[in-house]
Amino acid sequence: MRSALMPLTAVGVVALLAACDEAQHSAPPTLRPVLSVVVHPQMARLPSFAGTVEPRYTSELGFRVMGRVAGRDVGVGDVVRKGQRLARLDPLTYALAVRSAQADLASATARLDNAVATETRQRVLLAQDIANQAQFDAARQGLDSAQAGVIRARANLEKAEEQLGYTVLAADFDGVITAVAAEPGQVVQPGQTVMILARPDIREAVVDLPESIGRDLAADARFDIALQVAPSVRATGSVREIAPQADPATRTRRVRIALDNPPAAFRLGTTITATPAAGAAQDIVLPATALLEREGQTMVWVVDPATATVSTRNVTVAARDGGSVRILDGLAAGTRVVTAGVNSLIPGQAIKIADGPLP
């Protein structure tokens, strides 16, 4: 009796297991609900940045020799002409050096005259067999030495006169004085900045942009420039120079914008507002929670409407603004992107759109 029941029991267990296996295979996979959004390019907001009008060309002027400033003829804001005297040093020391060099030249010239006469006399005596060759060679050597002495003395005089001329600081070009760093009575070193001379005819706008914007700014990007005190006074310009590195303290990049025929009101030092020119490409804006950053790459989860599954896609972030990010490239219009729970998804995972059906 017992032996007859055992086969029946085994058959029942096998049937039960088969039924459970069929139930497991027939059960549909669990769909993970997610929040998502269909991206659409939109015109990016055009931020404005404060800056100043600065000259493109400036020169830090200083004396080439050391001395005490005896006088300063101009001040900040003065318009000067090329060659105009700006400041001068006390010339006494250098004037004495010129007089000393003149005396040395006179002495060397006298020695040369004597050497010429000696060489001529020895030449005649040698021709008459009164002097020997050694005496003539000595006279000739004395003449060469005297000639070299005159050349050296003349060079020293020219150097002394040139240094005396360096006691006067003159303008290298027409411009305006933008800064003064030395006053009468002050002793200055060679090359020390005494004043700064700028060319007002070529002006540019200088602004500091956030690193996220300055890094991706085009080399020839256009800007609209307006005076802060008179916004109706405007000019346009294109980027001329972008700082290669961000300032370590402010994390901004200095950008210089060449102005196109700016009005006269754009004076040096005037505060301006620079705005990227209209017509820029439209950007895609996503919530910051949509970004997935792994191994140095920035990605988002993209929903495949045909299979209702997700996959990652690399994107480039142009700017971050609080809770939103501006995508530069990597996404096309109409793409559905997961906006929450991005760290718990896996590639190919089936999902359910919690905020509406798939497009």
Protein backbone atom coordinates (compact mmCIF):
# COMPACT_ATOMS: atom_id res chain seq x y z
CA MET A 1 0.00 0.00 0.00
CA ARG A 2 2.78 2.39 0.96
CA SER A 3 4.76 1.51 -2.15
CA ALA A 4 1.77 2.37 -4.34
CA LEU A 5 1.37 5.86 -2.78
CA MET A 6 4.97 6.92 -3.31
CA PRO A 7 4.80 7.13 -7.14
CA LEU A 8 1.57 9.09 -6.90
CA THR A 9 3.19 11.58 -4.48
CA ALA A 10 6.20 12.06 -6.77
CA VAL A 11 3.94 12.71 -9.73
CA GLY A 12 2.00 15.35 -7.74
CA VAL A 13 5.16 17.16 -6.70
CA VAL A 14 6.43 17.26 -10.28
CA ALA A 15 3.09 18.60 -11.50
CA LEU A 16 3.08 21.28 -8.81
CA LEU A 17 6.59 22.43 -9.71
CA ALA A 18 5.69 22.58 -13.39
CA ALA A 19 2.65 24.69 -12.62
CA CYS A 20 4.74 27.12 -10.55
CA ASP A 21 7.32 27.42 -13.35
CA GLU A 22 4.60 28.18 -15.89
CA ALA A 23 3.17 30.82 -13.56
CA GLN A 24 6.56 32.47 -13.21
CA HIS A 25 7.18 32.56 -16.98
CA SER A 26 3.72 33.83 -17.72
CA ALA A 27 3.93 36.70 -15.16
CA PRO A 28 4.72 40.02 -16.95
CA PRO A 29 7.91 41.88 -15.91
CA THR A 30 7.58 44.64 -13.33
CA LEU A 31 7.56 48.08 -14.96
CA ARG A 32 9.41 50.79 -13.08
CA PRO A 33 7.48 54.07 -13.06
CA VAL A 34 9.61 57.12 -13.86
CA LEU A 35 9.16 60.84 -14.31
CA SER A 36 10.19 62.15 -17.71
CA VAL A 37 9.94 65.09 -20.04
CA VAL A 38 9.96 65.50 -23.81
CA VAL A 39 12.68 68.00 -24.67
CA HIS A 40 12.05 70.93 -26.99
CA PRO A 41 14.69 73.51 -27.92
CA GLN A 42 13.92 76.95 -26.63
CA MET A 43 15.58 80.29 -27.07
CA ALA A 44 18.13 80.64 -24.33
CA ARG A 45 17.85 83.64 -22.07
CA LEU A 46 20.49 86.17 -23.00
CA PRO A 47 22.36 87.15 -19.84
CA SER A 48 24.05 90.51 -19.51
CA PHE A 49 27.45 91.16 -17.99
CA ALA A 50 28.92 94.34 -16.57
CA GLY A 51 32.26 95.58 -17.83
CA THR A 52 34.26 98.67 -18.69
CA VAL A 53 35.57 100.41 -21.78
CA GLU A 54 39.35 100.09 -21.97
CA PRO A 55 41.98 100.97 -24.57
CA ARG A 56 43.41 98.16 -26.63
CA TYR A 57 46.90 99.66 -26.60
CA THR A 58 48.54 101.02 -23.45
CA SER A 59 52.15 101.73 -22.56
CA GLU A 60 53.70 101.80 -19.10
CA LEU A 61 56.21 104.62 -19.32
CA GLY A 62 59.32 104.88 -17.17
CA PHE A 63 62.79 106.41 -17.18
CA ARG A 64 65.68 104.37 -18.52
CA VAL A 65 68.02 105.70 -15.85
CA MET A 66 67.83 106.12 -12.09
CA GLY A 67 67.27 109.52 -10.58
CA ARG A 68 65.08 111.89 -8.60
CA VAL A 69 61.94 113.15 -10.29
CA ALA A 70 62.44 116.89 -10.73
CA GLY A 71 59.08 117.63 -12.32
CA ARG A 72 55.93 116.14 -13.81
CA ASP A 73 54.22 118.06 -16.58
CA VAL A 74 50.97 116.07 -16.97
CA GLY A 75 48.39 114.36 -14.82
CA VAL A 76 45.67 111.74 -15.12
CA GLY A 77 43.27 112.52 -17.94
CA ASP A 78 45.58 114.85 -19.84
CA VAL A 79 45.70 114.43 -23.61
CA VAL A 80 49.27 114.44 -24.91
CA ARG A 81 50.95 114.45 -28.30
CA LYS A 82 53.77 112.28 -29.58
CA GLY A 83 57.13 113.64 -28.39
CA GLN A 84 55.60 115.85 -25.69
CA ARG A 85 57.55 115.99 -22.40
CA LEU A 86 55.74 114.22 -19.61
CA ALA A 87 58.25 114.25 -16.73
CA ARG A 88 61.94 114.86 -16.06
CA LEU A 89 64.68 113.78 -13.68
CA ASP A 90 67.29 115.93 -12.00
CA PRO A 91 69.91 116.07 -14.82
CA LEU A 92 72.92 117.28 -12.77
CA THR A 93 74.63 113.91 -12.39
CA TYR A 94 74.23 113.05 -16.07
CA ALA A 95 75.26 116.56 -17.21
CA LEU A 96 78.50 116.19 -15.23
CA ALA A 97 79.05 112.82 -16.87
CA VAL A 98 78.73 114.49 -20.28
CA ARG A 99 81.30 117.16 -19.34
CA SER A 100 83.68 114.47 -18.10
CA ALA A 101 83.26 112.52 -21.34
CA GLN A 102 83.90 115.68 -23.37
CA ALA A 103 87.13 116.25 -21.47
CA ASP A 104 88.22 112.65 -22.06
CA LEU A 105 87.53 113.06 -25.78
CA ALA A 106 89.57 116.26 -25.90
CA SER A 107 92.46 114.52 -24.15
CA ALA A 108 92.27 111.53 -26.49
CA THR A 109 92.19 113.82 -29.49
CA ALA A 110 95.34 115.62 -28.29
CA ARG A 111 97.12 112.32 -27.84
CA LEU A 112 96.07 111.32 -31.35
CA ASP A 113 97.50 114.55 -32.81
CA ASN A 114 100.80 113.92 -31.02
CA ALA A 115 100.86 110.29 -32.19
CA VAL A 116 100.23 111.38 -35.79
CA ALA A 117 103.11 113.83 -35.64
CA THR A 118 105.42 111.24 -34.08
CA GLU A 119 104.52 108.62 -36.67
CA THR A 120 105.10 111.10 -39.51
CA ARG A 121 108.48 112.14 -38.12
CA GLN A 122 109.62 108.55 -37.66
CA ARG A 123 108.52 107.73 -41.18
CA VAL A 124 110.73 110.52 -42.59
CA LEU A 125 113.70 109.53 -40.43
CA LEU A 126 113.32 105.93 -41.46
CA ALA A 127 113.37 106.94 -45.11
CA GLN A 128 116.62 108.86 -44.47
CA ASP A 129 118.11 105.89 -42.57
CA ILE A 130 118.33 108.05 -39.45
CA ALA A 131 115.75 106.03 -37.46
CA ASN A 132 115.52 102.29 -37.36
CA GLN A 133 112.52 100.06 -38.04
CA ALA A 134 111.86 99.42 -34.36
CA GLN A 135 111.43 103.13 -33.65
CA PHE A 136 109.01 103.51 -36.55
CA ASP A 137 106.99 100.45 -35.43
CA ALA A 138 106.72 101.92 -31.94
CA ALA A 139 105.47 105.20 -33.37
CA ARG A 140 102.98 103.34 -35.53
CA GLN A 141 101.70 101.38 -32.54
CA GLY A 142 101.29 104.61 -30.58
CA LEU A 143 99.23 106.05 -33.43
CA ASP A 144 96.91 103.04 -33.52
CA SER A 145 96.48 103.21 -29.76
CA ALA A 146 95.67 106.91 -29.91
CA GLN A 147 93.10 106.36 -32.64
CA ALA A 148 91.41 103.64 -30.55
CA GLY A 149 91.43 105.99 -27.55
CA VAL A 150 89.60 108.65 -29.55
CA ILE A 151 86.98 106.13 -30.69
CA ARG A 152 86.47 104.96 -27.10
CA ALA A 153 86.22 108.51 -25.76
CA ARG A 154 83.75 109.50 -28.48
CA ALA A 155 81.58 106.44 -27.68
CA ASN A 156 81.63 107.31 -23.97
CA LEU A 157 80.55 110.84 -24.81
CA GLU A 158 77.67 109.61 -26.95
CA LYS A 159 76.60 107.25 -24.15
CA ALA A 160 76.71 110.07 -21.58
CA GLU A 161 74.70 112.36 -23.85
CA GLU A 162 72.16 109.59 -24.45
CA GLN A 163 71.76 108.98 -20.71
CA LEU A 164 71.32 112.72 -20.23
CA GLY A 165 68.51 112.55 -22.79
CA TYR A 166 66.91 109.73 -20.80
CA THR A 167 66.27 112.17 -17.95
CA VAL A 168 63.34 113.49 -20.01
CA LEU A 169 60.29 111.23 -20.38
CA ALA A 170 58.35 111.87 -23.60
CA ALA A 171 55.19 110.39 -25.11
CA ASP A 172 55.70 107.64 -27.68
CA PHE A 173 52.36 108.34 -29.38
CA ASP A 174 49.28 110.53 -29.18
CA GLY A 175 47.18 109.45 -26.24
CA VAL A 176 45.77 110.14 -22.81
CA ILE A 177 47.36 109.63 -19.40
CA THR A 178 45.37 107.02 -17.47
CA ALA A 179 47.55 106.61 -14.36
CA VAL A 180 50.45 108.30 -12.57
CA ALA A 181 52.77 106.40 -10.23
CA ALA A 182 55.51 108.90 -9.35
CA GLU A 183 55.61 112.39 -7.89
CA PRO A 184 58.29 115.11 -7.88
CA GLY A 185 61.01 114.37 -5.35
CA GLN A 186 60.60 110.62 -5.61
CA VAL A 187 63.64 108.54 -6.56
CA VAL A 188 62.80 106.05 -9.29
CA GLN A 189 64.67 103.04 -10.65
CA PRO A 190 65.32 102.29 -14.33
CA GLY A 191 62.18 100.83 -15.89
CA GLN A 192 59.94 101.69 -12.93
CA THR A 193 56.47 102.71 -14.10
CA VAL A 194 55.98 106.45 -13.79
CA MET A 195 52.73 106.80 -15.75
CA ILE A 196 50.51 104.88 -18.15
CA LEU A 197 49.72 106.22 -21.59
CA ALA A 198 46.73 104.86 -23.54
CA ARG A 199 45.51 105.25 -27.10
CA PRO A 200 41.87 106.41 -26.93
CA ASP A 201 41.18 105.92 -30.63
CA ILE A 202 40.99 102.10 -30.43
CA ARG A 203 38.67 101.02 -27.62
CA GLU A 204 37.24 97.70 -26.49
CA ALA A 205 34.83 96.37 -23.89
CA VAL A 206 36.29 94.17 -21.15
CA VAL A 207 33.97 91.83 -19.22
CA ASP A 208 34.48 88.89 -16.87
CA LEU A 209 32.29 85.92 -17.81
CA PRO A 210 31.55 82.85 -15.66
CA GLU A 211 33.89 80.01 -16.53
CA SER A 212 31.03 77.81 -17.78
CA ILE A 213 30.14 80.47 -20.38
CA GLY A 214 33.61 81.78 -21.19
CA ARG A 215 34.95 78.28 -21.81
CA ASP A 216 32.41 77.55 -24.57
CA LEU A 217 32.28 81.06 -26.05
CA ALA A 218 33.01 81.20 -29.77
CA ALA A 219 36.17 83.03 -30.79
CA ASP A 220 34.20 85.51 -32.93
CA ALA A 221 31.00 85.74 -30.87
CA ARG A 222 29.06 88.98 -31.26
CA PHE A 223 27.91 91.18 -28.38
CA ASP A 224 25.61 94.16 -28.00
CA ILE A 225 27.18 96.82 -25.78
CA ALA A 226 25.23 99.54 -23.95
CA LEU A 227 26.28 102.26 -21.52
CA GLN A 228 24.90 101.68 -18.04
CA VAL A 229 24.30 105.41 -17.49
CA ALA A 230 22.57 105.73 -20.88
CA PRO A 231 21.29 102.35 -22.14
CA SER A 232 20.09 103.95 -25.36
CA VAL A 233 23.72 104.62 -26.36
CA ARG A 234 24.78 101.33 -27.88
CA ALA A 235 27.48 99.71 -29.97
CA THR A 236 28.31 96.24 -31.24
CA GLY A 237 31.49 94.24 -31.19
CA SER A 238 33.05 90.81 -31.55
CA VAL A 239 35.22 88.83 -29.19
CA ARG A 240 38.91 89.59 -29.74
CA GLU A 241 40.51 87.71 -26.87
CA ILE A 242 39.44 85.14 -24.27
CA ALA A 243 41.61 84.48 -21.25
CA PRO A 244 43.06 80.95 -21.55
CA GLN A 245 42.52 80.26 -17.84
CA ALA A 246 39.90 81.25 -15.31
CA ASP A 247 40.79 83.52 -12.43
CA PRO A 248 41.48 81.20 -9.45
CA ALA A 249 39.61 83.48 -7.03
CA THR A 250 36.50 84.44 -9.01
CA ARG A 251 36.40 81.51 -11.48
CA THR A 252 35.71 83.93 -14.31
CA ARG A 253 37.40 84.42 -17.67
CA ARG A 254 38.28 87.88 -18.93
CA VAL A 255 36.92 88.56 -22.40
CA ARG A 256 37.94 91.51 -24.57
CA ILE A 257 35.40 92.65 -27.16
CA ALA A 258 36.56 94.82 -30.07
CA LEU A 259 34.04 97.62 -30.59
CA ASP A 260 32.78 98.51 -34.07
CA ASN A 261 32.86 102.31 -34.47
CA PRO A 262 31.80 103.11 -30.88
CA PRO A 263 30.19 106.51 -30.26
CA ALA A 264 32.13 109.25 -28.48
CA ALA A 265 30.19 108.56 -25.28
CA PHE A 266 32.13 105.28 -24.93
CA ARG A 267 34.93 106.98 -23.03
CA LEU A 268 37.75 105.09 -21.35
CA GLY A 269 36.66 103.73 -17.97
CA THR A 270 32.94 103.97 -18.74
CA THR A 271 30.83 101.14 -17.28
CA ILE A 272 28.97 99.12 -19.90
CA THR A 273 26.63 96.15 -20.15
CA ALA A 274 27.52 93.41 -22.65
CA THR A 275 24.82 91.06 -23.94
CA PRO A 276 25.32 88.19 -26.40
CA ALA A 277 23.88 89.14 -29.75
CA ALA A 278 20.41 87.82 -30.62
CA GLY A 279 20.04 84.98 -33.05
CA ALA A 280 22.06 82.49 -31.06
CA ALA A 281 21.23 78.83 -31.40
CA GLN A 282 18.35 77.49 -29.32
CA ASP A 283 19.22 75.35 -26.33
CA ILE A 284 17.61 72.44 -24.49
CA VAL A 285 16.94 73.02 -20.80
CA LEU A 286 16.51 70.08 -18.39
CA PRO A 287 16.14 69.73 -14.64
CA ALA A 288 19.46 69.15 -12.94
CA THR A 289 18.07 65.85 -11.58
CA ALA A 290 18.11 64.43 -15.11
CA LEU A 291 21.91 64.32 -15.26
CA LEU A 292 23.83 61.12 -14.55
CA GLU A 293 27.56 61.61 -14.01
CA ARG A 294 29.76 58.55 -14.03
CA GLU A 295 33.46 58.09 -14.73
CA GLY A 296 33.89 61.69 -15.79
CA GLN A 297 31.04 61.57 -18.32
CA THR A 298 27.72 63.39 -18.20
CA MET A 299 24.72 61.37 -19.42
CA VAL A 300 20.94 61.24 -19.37
CA TRP A 301 18.49 58.34 -19.59
CA VAL A 302 16.63 58.36 -22.91
CA VAL A 303 13.33 56.49 -23.31
CA ASP A 304 12.79 54.34 -26.41
CA PRO A 305 9.05 54.76 -27.21
CA ALA A 306 8.96 51.54 -29.25
CA THR A 307 10.17 49.23 -26.45
CA ALA A 308 9.47 51.39 -23.39
CA THR A 309 13.05 50.83 -22.21
CA VAL A 310 15.79 53.24 -21.24
CA SER A 311 19.38 53.74 -22.37
CA THR A 312 22.09 56.28 -21.58
CA ARG A 313 23.22 59.04 -23.89
CA ASN A 314 26.19 61.37 -23.46
CA VAL A 315 25.43 65.09 -23.43
CA THR A 316 27.40 68.31 -23.18
CA VAL A 317 26.32 70.81 -20.54
CA ALA A 318 26.67 74.44 -21.59
CA ALA A 319 25.67 76.02 -18.29
CA ARG A 320 24.18 75.19 -14.90
CA ASP A 321 21.70 77.56 -13.33
CA GLY A 322 20.47 76.40 -9.95
CA GLY A 323 18.01 73.56 -10.51
CA SER A 324 18.30 73.51 -14.29
CA VAL A 325 20.98 72.82 -16.86
CA ARG A 326 21.44 73.98 -20.44
CA ILE A 327 22.37 71.18 -22.85
CA LEU A 328 24.68 72.18 -25.66
CA ASP A 329 24.51 68.97 -27.72
CA GLY A 330 23.65 65.28 -27.47
CA LEU A 331 19.85 65.53 -27.58
CA ALA A 332 17.40 66.11 -30.40
CA ALA A 333 13.98 67.71 -30.25
CA GLY A 334 11.22 65.30 -29.25
CA THR A 335 13.47 63.00 -27.20
CA ARG A 336 11.93 61.81 -23.93
CA VAL A 337 14.38 62.04 -21.02
CA VAL A 338 14.01 60.61 -17.52
CA THR A 339 14.11 63.42 -14.94
CA ALA A 340 14.11 61.54 -11.60
CA GLY A 341 15.64 58.39 -10.15
CA VAL A 342 18.45 58.30 -12.69
CA ASN A 343 20.86 56.57 -10.30
CA SER A 344 18.67 53.48 -9.88
CA LEU A 345 18.07 52.61 -13.54
CA ILE A 346 19.99 50.11 -15.66
CA PRO A 347 20.36 50.01 -19.46
CA GLY A 348 17.48 48.19 -21.17
CA GLN A 349 15.23 48.37 -18.12
CA ALA A 350 11.50 48.44 -18.86
CA ILE A 351 9.81 51.53 -17.49
CA LYS A 352 6.38 53.07 -17.16
CA ILE A 353 5.88 56.76 -17.73
CA ALA A 354 4.28 58.05 -14.56
CA ASP A 355 3.30 61.39 -16.06
CA GLY A 356 1.52 60.17 -19.20
CA PRO A 357 1.71 57.65 -22.05
CA LEU A 358 4.68 57.38 -24.34
CA PRO A 359 4.57 59.59 -27.44
